[in-house]
């Protein structure tokens, strides 16, 4: 139910400051870093946007939101969040020059 979900979000936020719920509920700041990028132009039904956040303990995290436009009822034409991807602690979305066995 909704109450359990909200309680779970708050528990996650308290335990993991750089989690999505941590920065959304307790973070110091957030900033829209990029404009909405509609794949395929204005008629595209997939879009992305990057948001930069600073957690309650000062750590940077960037989030790439993937949005999808509903192509059939219900909510025909409405945009929904398909996924939210998290960066590493350096703000990068792709691992670079780390070799094997790395962990963040």
Protein backbone atom coordinates (compact mmCIF):
# COMPACT_ATOMS: atom_id res chain seq x y z
CA UNK A 1 0.00 0.00 0.00
CA UNK A 2 1.01 3.64 -0.33
CA UNK A 3 1.79 4.18 3.35
CA UNK A 4 4.24 1.26 3.39
CA UNK A 5 5.86 2.53 0.18
CA UNK A 6 6.33 6.04 1.61
CA UNK A 7 7.73 4.63 4.86
CA UNK A 8 10.14 2.47 2.85
CA UNK A 9 11.27 5.54 0.85
CA UNK A 10 12.05 7.40 4.08
CA UNK A 11 13.95 4.42 5.50
CA UNK A 12 16.02 4.16 2.32
CA UNK A 13 16.66 7.92 2.37
CA UNK A 14 17.98 7.78 5.94
CA UNK A 15 20.20 4.75 5.35
CA UNK A 16 21.56 5.72 1.91
CA UNK A 17 22.05 9.50 1.50
CA UNK A 18 23.13 9.23 -2.16
CA UNK A 19 20.21 7.00 -3.19
CA UNK A 20 17.47 8.54 -5.30
CA UNK A 21 15.18 8.77 -2.26
CA UNK A 22 18.05 10.08 -0.12
CA UNK A 23 18.70 13.08 -2.36
CA UNK A 24 15.01 13.60 -3.20
CA UNK A 25 13.93 13.73 0.45
CA UNK A 26 17.00 14.95 2.38
CA UNK A 27 19.41 16.30 -0.24
CA UNK A 28 21.04 19.74 -0.11
CA UNK A 29 20.20 20.66 -3.70
CA UNK A 30 19.18 19.53 -7.15
CA UNK A 31 19.57 21.18 -10.54
CA UNK A 32 18.27 20.37 -14.00
CA UNK A 33 21.53 19.95 -15.91
CA UNK A 34 20.24 19.36 -19.46
CA UNK A 35 17.19 20.22 -21.49
CA UNK A 36 14.79 17.41 -22.32
CA UNK A 37 16.30 15.47 -25.23
CA UNK A 38 13.53 13.94 -27.34
CA UNK A 39 14.94 11.06 -29.35
CA UNK A 40 13.79 11.51 -32.94
CA UNK A 41 12.96 15.21 -32.53
CA UNK A 42 9.62 16.75 -31.57
CA UNK A 43 7.66 13.68 -32.68
CA UNK A 44 9.81 11.26 -30.66
CA UNK A 45 8.20 9.19 -27.91
CA UNK A 46 11.38 8.61 -25.86
CA UNK A 47 13.17 11.42 -24.03
CA UNK A 48 16.04 11.81 -21.56
CA UNK A 49 17.08 14.47 -19.09
CA UNK A 50 19.97 14.73 -16.61
CA UNK A 51 19.50 16.06 -13.08
CA UNK A 52 22.45 16.84 -10.75
CA UNK A 53 21.98 16.44 -6.99
CA UNK A 54 24.01 17.01 -3.84
CA UNK A 55 23.22 14.64 -0.97
CA UNK A 56 22.74 15.66 2.66
CA UNK A 57 26.40 14.81 3.34
CA UNK A 58 27.67 16.82 0.34
CA UNK A 59 28.22 14.06 -2.23
CA UNK A 60 27.47 14.67 -5.93
CA UNK A 61 25.23 12.34 -7.91
CA UNK A 62 23.79 12.75 -11.40
CA UNK A 63 20.62 11.02 -12.60
CA UNK A 64 19.56 10.31 -16.16
CA UNK A 65 15.78 10.14 -16.43
CA UNK A 66 14.32 8.18 -19.34
CA UNK A 67 10.77 9.21 -20.19
CA UNK A 68 8.32 7.42 -22.49
CA UNK A 69 5.19 8.80 -24.08
CA UNK A 70 2.18 6.49 -23.80
CA UNK A 71 1.18 5.36 -27.27
CA UNK A 72 -2.19 3.87 -26.28
CA UNK A 73 -4.89 4.30 -23.65
CA UNK A 74 -5.12 4.77 -20.77
CA UNK A 75 -3.31 8.09 -20.60
CA UNK A 76 -2.69 8.26 -24.35
CA UNK A 77 -0.01 10.88 -25.01
CA UNK A 78 1.03 11.23 -21.35
CA UNK A 79 4.71 11.03 -20.41
CA UNK A 80 5.84 8.53 -17.75
CA UNK A 81 9.17 7.79 -16.10
CA UNK A 82 10.54 4.60 -17.63
CA UNK A 83 13.79 4.48 -15.66
CA UNK A 84 16.25 6.55 -13.63
CA UNK A 85 19.94 5.79 -14.04
CA UNK A 86 22.50 6.83 -11.43
CA UNK A 87 26.03 8.08 -12.01
CA UNK A 88 29.06 6.94 -10.06
CA UNK A 89 30.55 9.12 -7.31
CA UNK A 90 32.44 11.17 -9.91
CA UNK A 91 29.25 12.01 -11.80
CA UNK A 92 30.04 9.64 -14.70
CA UNK A 93 27.45 7.31 -16.18
CA UNK A 94 29.97 4.99 -17.86
CA UNK A 95 32.94 3.30 -16.19
CA UNK A 96 36.23 4.51 -17.66
CA UNK A 97 39.80 3.29 -17.19
CA UNK A 98 39.03 1.20 -14.12
CA UNK A 99 40.25 -2.21 -15.16
CA UNK A 100 38.78 -5.34 -13.61
CA UNK A 101 37.37 -5.76 -10.14
CA UNK A 102 36.53 -2.13 -9.33
CA UNK A 103 33.66 -1.16 -7.08
CA UNK A 104 32.05 2.11 -5.99
